[in-house]
Every structure is written in structure tokens, then in C-alpha cells.
Amino acid sequence: MKQDSTRSIAYTVDCEDYVHVVKFNPFDTGDACSLIAYGGNNYVVVGTCRFQEEDAEVEGIQYKTLKTFHHGIRVDAIAWSPETRLDALPLQIRFCTAASDRKLRLFTSDLQDKNEFKTFEGHSDYVNDLVFAPKEGQEVASVSDDHTCRVWDLEGNEKAHFVLRSPGMSVCWHPEEAFKLMVAEKNGTIRFYDLITQQAILSLECEQTPLMSADWCLKNTLKIGAVAGSDWLIWDITRSSYPQDKRPVHVDRARLFRWSRVNENLFATTGYPGKTTTQLLVHHLGHPQ
């Protein structure tokens, strides 16, 4: 990474090709560094970032590439496994990707001799999001334009199948609610499914479309956030199935919503890629700006 002050960018990483998706590992790996993966047209690169805030010996940020995985096709989404560990030998890197051929690919590597991948087939249209079971990491959930949410084991066997009423845009699995799955649909509905009974148990409504992204707050299981149309929306699921708060935020439609992992009042939204006014904005629920 090198410093670049021309557009207020702190650091850049030179990549050989387009980058379609970037994902930090949200789980504790036993190491002070943060794992990051980014995917392009036919590869996934896994690297580490060390930040000055976490390591006093680092000036600003340090980035190091650990391994480049050949993917062979465009990467559309990446999910990290909680089984990824950097504090034991052999090391274990495990992540799953969704690709433009509608298949999932599970990669497992010790960054040495062991480099395995399995292909999961079943979706009949583009896969928009995927997530690992947050405790044991033994299952993967995915949502697709084919109007389904599917849960797979690590061998690629389908363990559950939920029929949706529109394309599935986001799927979330909360570590404190291991037997529930949150699925957000493009038609503006967010549903929670009980994985034991495989039934829907709660739904939330945006009252506007298209819903493009939703997230379940890590620090408060009662808070859900999403972007639909040009607005961000926040729910308290104990109070109403309709949003408690919403604001217009991106002129050319909003694309992504993500909660902070350390503060239940902080979240970020992005605009639509390719638009001239695309922005990444950070919001605080206590401050209107």
C-alpha cells in the first residue's frame, strides 16, 4: 500500500485486474491483523491488514498478500468462515464465493500444501449474498435471483430451502440467534426463518422498492437496517414491522447497508456503482448529518 492524498484516499493496493467485491473477515482469527479478501474476474486474493489503532508499531496501515486463489470466473460475493485461524498450526483459511455461473465455491487452505475447493450447485440464477453459520461454520446460507434461500453443508448438500416471493438480496446469520436466518427480498420484505421448523416467524416491511441490501446489527439483535430506493431504513423488531426511522441518502439509489461491528448507532451506506455521485457514507443515529 502506498499513500495517495490526491482524493483523500489513505492507501491503495495495486491489483492486476478489476475488483468486484471486498470482504474483511468479521471473526477472531487469534491474530492481531485483520484478514481481507478481494475478488476479481478470475481470482481471489487473501491478505492481512495491520492498523495503527491496533498495533502501535505500525505507521498508518500495513498490507501483505498471503495467497492468490485461481477462481476461473468473476467473483460476485465472498463469505468468511469462523473456522479461519492464524494462531495455530497448520493455519486455516476458509471462505466461500458466489460466482457469475450461479455456483458457490468453498476454498480451504493452510497457505502451504493444502489447497482444496468444492463446488455447490443448485441455484438457477445469480447469487446475491452468502454467509457462514457464525458459531461452528459448518453450514452456508445463500440467496439468489431465483427466488430462493438455500442452506448447505460443507460438502455442498442442501440442508434447507426457502421459497421467496422476489429475488433474495441479503442473508444474515447472527451469532446470538444461531437458529434463525434473516433474508431480505428485493420487493421490500425482510423475513426471519426458524431453522429448526424451517418456517417464517417474523416479517418486516420497507413499503418501498427496490430493497438492495439489509443487515442485522451485531451489537443489538433487535435492530435491523436496510437501503431501499434512495433511503436508509431502521427497524426495532419489538416495536413494529415498519421502520422506526428512514432518511433519503443517495441521489442515484442506495446499494449497500452495513452496521458497525462495535457500535449499534453507527452504520455505513454506499451508492450505486458506476454512478457519478457514488459515495460511501457513515451515519450515526444520534446525529442527523
Protein backbone atom coordinates (compact mmCIF):
# COMPACT_ATOMS: atom_id res chain seq x y z
CA MET A 1 0.00 0.00 0.00
CA LYS A 2 1.21 3.49 -0.73
CA GLN A 3 -0.01 6.86 0.40
CA ASP A 4 -2.17 8.82 -2.02
CA SER A 5 -3.53 12.20 -0.95
CA THR A 6 -4.99 13.40 -4.25
CA ARG A 7 -8.56 12.17 -3.47
CA SER A 8 -8.37 11.82 0.31
CA ILE A 9 -7.50 8.11 -0.06
CA ALA A 10 -5.27 6.93 2.76
CA TYR A 11 -3.71 3.94 0.98
CA THR A 12 -4.09 1.95 -2.20
CA VAL A 13 -3.33 -1.63 -3.17
CA ASP A 14 -2.32 -2.21 -6.77
CA CYS A 15 -4.40 -5.02 -8.30
CA GLU A 16 -3.84 -6.84 -11.57
CA ASP A 17 -7.48 -6.76 -12.65
CA TYR A 18 -10.94 -5.42 -11.81
CA VAL A 19 -12.04 -5.84 -8.19
CA HIS A 20 -15.74 -6.75 -7.88
CA VAL A 21 -16.01 -7.50 -4.17
CA VAL A 22 -14.02 -6.87 -0.98
CA LYS A 23 -14.68 -8.56 2.38
CA PHE A 24 -12.95 -8.25 5.74
CA ASN A 25 -13.07 -11.34 7.94
CA PRO A 26 -15.55 -10.50 10.75
CA PHE A 27 -14.35 -13.33 13.03
CA ASP A 28 -11.50 -13.55 15.54
CA THR A 29 -8.58 -15.41 13.97
CA GLY A 30 -6.38 -15.31 17.08
CA ASP A 31 -4.03 -12.80 15.44
CA ALA A 32 -3.77 -9.01 15.74
CA CYS A 33 -4.03 -8.48 11.99
CA SER A 34 -7.27 -8.27 10.01
CA LEU A 35 -7.84 -10.69 7.14
CA ILE A 36 -9.19 -9.27 3.90
CA ALA A 37 -10.24 -10.96 0.65
CA TYR A 38 -10.98 -9.35 -2.68
CA GLY A 39 -12.27 -10.96 -5.84
CA GLY A 40 -11.85 -10.10 -9.50
CA ASN A 41 -12.68 -11.64 -12.86
CA ASN A 42 -10.93 -14.95 -12.18
CA TYR A 43 -9.11 -14.79 -8.84
CA VAL A 44 -9.49 -14.20 -5.09
CA VAL A 45 -6.64 -12.56 -3.18
CA VAL A 46 -6.35 -13.07 0.59
CA GLY A 47 -4.19 -10.67 2.57
CA THR A 48 -3.65 -9.15 6.01
CA CYS A 49 -4.05 -5.56 7.16
CA ARG A 50 -2.46 -4.15 10.30
CA PHE A 51 -3.80 -0.83 11.52
CA GLN A 52 -2.04 1.72 13.67
CA GLU A 53 -5.02 1.75 16.06
CA GLU A 54 -4.46 -1.95 16.82
CA ASP A 55 -0.65 -2.18 16.62
CA ALA A 56 1.45 0.74 17.85
CA GLU A 57 4.46 -0.41 15.82
CA VAL A 58 2.55 0.14 12.56
CA GLU A 59 2.61 3.56 10.94
CA GLY A 60 -0.80 4.05 9.36
CA ILE A 61 -1.52 0.69 7.77
CA GLN A 62 0.43 -2.33 6.56
CA TYR A 63 -0.92 -4.68 3.89
CA LYS A 64 0.52 -8.07 2.94
CA THR A 65 -0.77 -10.55 0.36
CA LEU A 66 -0.93 -14.10 1.74
CA LYS A 67 -2.19 -16.04 -1.28
CA THR A 68 -3.91 -15.66 -4.64
CA PHE A 69 -6.55 -18.30 -5.39
CA HIS A 70 -7.39 -19.08 -9.00
CA HIS A 71 -11.15 -18.80 -9.43
CA GLY A 72 -11.63 -19.03 -13.20
CA ILE A 73 -14.76 -16.85 -13.30
CA ARG A 74 -15.99 -13.50 -11.97
CA VAL A 75 -16.41 -13.34 -8.18
CA ASP A 76 -19.72 -11.75 -7.10
CA ALA A 77 -19.70 -12.29 -3.33
CA ILE A 78 -17.38 -13.60 -0.58
CA ALA A 79 -18.16 -15.00 2.89
CA TRP A 80 -15.56 -15.84 5.55
CA SER A 81 -15.75 -18.91 7.77
CA PRO A 82 -15.37 -18.63 11.57
CA GLU A 83 -13.07 -21.67 11.29
CA THR A 84 -10.36 -19.47 9.75
CA ARG A 85 -7.44 -19.41 12.21
CA LEU A 86 -3.99 -17.79 12.16
CA ASP A 87 -2.89 -18.71 15.72
CA ALA A 88 -2.45 -22.47 15.33
CA LEU A 89 -0.51 -24.80 13.06
CA PRO A 90 -1.47 -25.69 10.48
CA LEU A 91 -3.03 -22.34 9.61
CA GLN A 92 -6.51 -22.50 8.14
CA ILE A 93 -8.01 -20.08 5.62
CA ARG A 94 -11.62 -20.90 4.69
CA PHE A 95 -14.05 -18.81 2.67
CA CYS A 96 -16.87 -19.31 0.20
CA THR A 97 -17.57 -17.39 -3.01
CA ALA A 98 -20.56 -16.85 -5.26
CA ALA A 99 -19.76 -16.58 -8.95
CA SER A 100 -21.40 -15.44 -12.16
CA ASP A 101 -22.05 -19.09 -13.16
CA ARG A 102 -24.57 -19.32 -10.22
CA LYS A 103 -22.35 -21.74 -8.27
CA LEU A 104 -20.79 -21.46 -4.81
CA ARG A 105 -17.16 -22.44 -4.26
CA LEU A 106 -15.74 -23.36 -0.86
CA PHE A 107 -11.99 -22.78 -0.51
CA THR A 108 -9.86 -24.27 2.29
CA SER A 109 -6.11 -23.69 2.51
CA ASP A 110 -3.24 -23.91 5.01
CA LEU A 111 -1.29 -21.45 2.79
CA GLN A 112 1.18 -24.28 2.12
CA ASP A 113 0.40 -27.65 0.57
CA LYS A 114 -3.30 -27.96 1.34
CA ASN A 115 -5.45 -26.07 -1.17
CA GLU A 116 -8.93 -27.51 -1.67
CA PHE A 117 -12.15 -26.27 -3.16
CA LYS A 118 -15.64 -27.72 -3.52
CA THR A 119 -18.42 -26.52 -5.84
CA PHE A 120 -22.04 -26.20 -4.65
CA GLU A 121 -24.66 -26.34 -7.42
CA GLY A 122 -28.40 -25.73 -7.20
CA HIS A 123 -29.22 -22.06 -7.76
CA SER A 124 -30.70 -21.33 -11.18
CA ASP A 125 -29.93 -17.58 -11.21
CA TYR A 126 -27.37 -15.12 -9.83
CA VAL A 127 -26.41 -15.48 -6.17
CA ASN A 128 -26.52 -12.09 -4.43
CA ASP A 129 -25.28 -12.88 -0.93
CA LEU A 130 -23.99 -15.71 1.25
CA VAL A 131 -22.97 -16.22 4.88
CA PHE A 132 -21.47 -18.92 7.13
CA ALA A 133 -23.14 -20.18 10.29
CA PRO A 134 -21.40 -17.85 12.78
CA LYS A 135 -20.65 -20.30 15.61
CA GLU A 136 -19.32 -23.54 14.13
CA GLY A 137 -19.10 -22.57 10.46
CA GLN A 138 -20.49 -25.94 9.35
CA GLU A 139 -23.20 -24.51 7.08
CA VAL A 140 -23.50 -21.79 4.42
CA ALA A 141 -26.68 -19.88 3.54
CA SER A 142 -27.16 -18.17 0.17
CA VAL A 143 -29.85 -16.06 -1.55
CA SER A 144 -30.41 -15.67 -5.26
CA ASP A 145 -32.37 -14.01 -8.04
CA ASP A 146 -34.05 -17.43 -8.44
CA HIS A 147 -36.38 -16.52 -5.51
CA THR A 148 -34.77 -18.98 -3.08
CA CYS A 149 -32.68 -19.04 0.08
CA ARG A 150 -30.71 -22.25 0.47
CA VAL A 151 -28.67 -23.67 3.36
CA TRP A 152 -25.79 -26.02 2.52
CA ASP A 153 -23.43 -28.23 4.50
CA LEU A 154 -19.71 -28.06 3.73
CA GLU A 155 -20.00 -30.94 1.27
CA GLY A 156 -22.45 -28.95 -0.85
CA ASN A 157 -25.56 -30.85 0.23
CA GLU A 158 -28.71 -28.75 0.50
CA LYS A 159 -29.98 -28.81 4.12
CA ALA A 160 -32.83 -26.29 3.81
CA HIS A 161 -34.66 -24.49 1.01
CA PHE A 162 -36.90 -21.44 1.45
CA VAL A 163 -39.04 -20.18 -1.43
CA LEU A 164 -39.10 -16.37 -1.63
CA ARG A 165 -41.57 -14.05 -3.34
CA SER A 166 -38.90 -12.00 -5.13
CA PRO A 167 -35.08 -12.07 -5.58
CA GLY A 168 -33.15 -12.60 -2.34
CA MET A 169 -30.72 -9.68 -1.82
CA SER A 170 -29.19 -10.21 1.65
CA VAL A 171 -28.90 -13.09 4.13
CA CYS A 172 -27.68 -12.66 7.74
CA TRP A 173 -26.89 -15.15 10.50
CA HIS A 174 -26.46 -13.64 13.98
CA PRO A 175 -24.08 -15.33 16.49
CA GLU A 176 -26.63 -14.78 19.30
CA GLU A 177 -29.50 -16.20 17.21
CA ALA A 178 -27.89 -19.30 15.72
CA PHE A 179 -31.21 -20.98 14.84
CA LYS A 180 -32.64 -18.01 12.93
CA LEU A 181 -31.85 -16.69 9.47
CA MET A 182 -32.69 -13.20 8.21
CA VAL A 183 -33.49 -12.91 4.50
CA ALA A 184 -34.12 -9.59 2.71
CA GLU A 185 -36.05 -9.61 -0.58
CA LYS A 186 -35.98 -7.09 -3.41
CA ASN A 187 -39.75 -6.47 -3.03
CA GLY A 188 -39.09 -4.74 0.31
CA THR A 189 -39.84 -7.62 2.71
CA ILE A 190 -37.40 -8.88 5.34
CA ARG A 191 -38.23 -12.28 6.87
CA PHE A 192 -36.81 -14.29 9.74
CA TYR A 193 -36.82 -18.08 9.39
CA ASP A 194 -36.65 -20.66 12.17
CA LEU A 195 -34.04 -23.18 11.02
CA ILE A 196 -35.46 -25.94 13.24
CA THR A 197 -39.05 -25.81 11.94
CA GLN A 198 -37.97 -24.24 8.62
CA GLN A 199 -40.86 -21.77 8.89
CA ALA A 200 -41.05 -17.98 8.64
CA ILE A 201 -41.56 -16.49 12.12
CA LEU A 202 -41.43 -12.70 11.62
CA SER A 203 -41.51 -10.22 8.75
CA LEU A 204 -40.64 -6.53 8.32
CA GLU A 205 -41.82 -4.21 5.54
CA CYS A 206 -40.00 -1.35 3.78
CA GLU A 207 -43.08 -0.06 1.96
CA GLN A 208 -40.76 0.92 -0.90
CA THR A 209 -38.64 -0.81 -3.53
CA PRO A 210 -36.19 -1.96 -4.62
CA LEU A 211 -34.64 -3.19 -1.38
CA MET A 212 -30.97 -3.73 -2.30
CA SER A 213 -29.28 -4.60 0.99
CA ALA A 214 -30.07 -5.30 4.66
CA ASP A 215 -28.03 -6.08 7.77
CA TRP A 216 -28.66 -7.45 11.28
CA CYS A 217 -26.98 -5.38 13.99
CA LEU A 218 -24.23 -7.38 15.75
CA LYS A 219 -24.44 -5.30 18.96
CA ASN A 220 -28.26 -5.32 19.22
CA THR A 221 -30.23 -8.27 17.87
CA LEU A 222 -33.43 -6.15 17.82
CA LYS A 223 -32.06 -3.67 15.25
CA ILE A 224 -32.30 -4.22 11.51
CA GLY A 225 -31.11 -1.80 8.84
CA ALA A 226 -31.58 -1.67 5.07
CA VAL A 227 -31.43 0.52 1.99
CA ALA A 228 -34.36 0.68 -0.44
CA GLY A 229 -34.74 3.16 -3.28
CA SER A 230 -32.69 6.18 -2.22
CA ASP A 231 -33.31 5.78 1.55
CA TRP A 232 -31.82 4.04 4.55
CA LEU A 233 -34.32 2.44 6.98
CA ILE A 234 -34.00 1.21 10.58
CA TRP A 235 -36.33 -1.19 12.47
CA ASP A 236 -36.71 -2.10 16.12
CA ILE A 237 -38.36 -5.51 15.74
CA THR A 238 -40.04 -5.28 19.17
CA ARG A 239 -41.93 -2.13 18.20
CA SER A 240 -43.27 -2.50 14.68
CA SER A 241 -42.94 -4.32 11.40
CA TYR A 242 -42.48 -0.89 9.78
CA PRO A 243 -39.32 1.25 10.02
CA GLN A 244 -38.80 3.46 13.09
CA ASP A 245 -36.56 5.79 11.12
CA LYS A 246 -35.70 6.43 7.50
CA ARG A 247 -33.87 9.14 5.54
CA PRO A 248 -33.06 9.82 1.88
CA VAL A 249 -29.34 9.35 1.45
CA HIS A 250 -28.13 8.62 -2.11
CA VAL A 251 -29.44 10.51 -5.15
CA ASP A 252 -28.91 7.64 -7.62
CA ARG A 253 -30.30 4.87 -5.40
CA ALA A 254 -28.57 3.25 -2.45
CA ARG A 255 -26.76 -0.07 -2.90
CA LEU A 256 -25.35 -1.40 0.41
CA PHE A 257 -26.11 -1.14 4.15
CA ARG A 258 -23.68 -2.32 6.84
CA TRP A 259 -23.80 -1.91 10.63
CA SER A 260 -20.69 -1.14 12.63
CA ARG A 261 -19.49 -4.24 14.45
CA VAL A 262 -18.64 -2.26 17.61
CA ASN A 263 -21.37 0.42 17.92
CA GLU A 264 -25.12 -0.12 17.47
CA ASN A 265 -25.65 3.51 16.41
CA LEU A 266 -23.12 3.55 13.57
CA PHE A 267 -23.72 2.26 10.05
CA ALA A 268 -22.49 2.84 6.51
CA THR A 269 -24.26 3.04 3.15
CA THR A 270 -22.99 3.17 -0.40
CA GLY A 271 -24.50 4.49 -3.60
CA TYR A 272 -24.83 2.57 -6.81
CA PRO A 273 -21.52 1.60 -8.52
CA GLY A 274 -20.87 3.44 -11.76
CA LYS A 275 -22.95 6.48 -10.89
CA THR A 276 -21.19 9.85 -10.86
CA THR A 277 -22.36 10.55 -7.30
CA THR A 278 -21.42 7.15 -5.85
CA GLN A 279 -20.38 7.64 -2.23
CA LEU A 280 -19.63 5.67 0.90
CA LEU A 281 -21.32 7.47 3.79
CA VAL A 282 -21.02 6.78 7.53
CA HIS A 283 -24.08 7.61 9.65
CA HIS A 284 -24.72 7.96 13.40
CA LEU A 285 -28.29 7.56 14.66
CA GLY A 286 -27.76 10.35 17.19
CA HIS A 287 -26.71 12.87 14.57
CA PRO A 288 -28.83 13.95 11.58
CA GLN A 289 -25.86 14.72 9.29
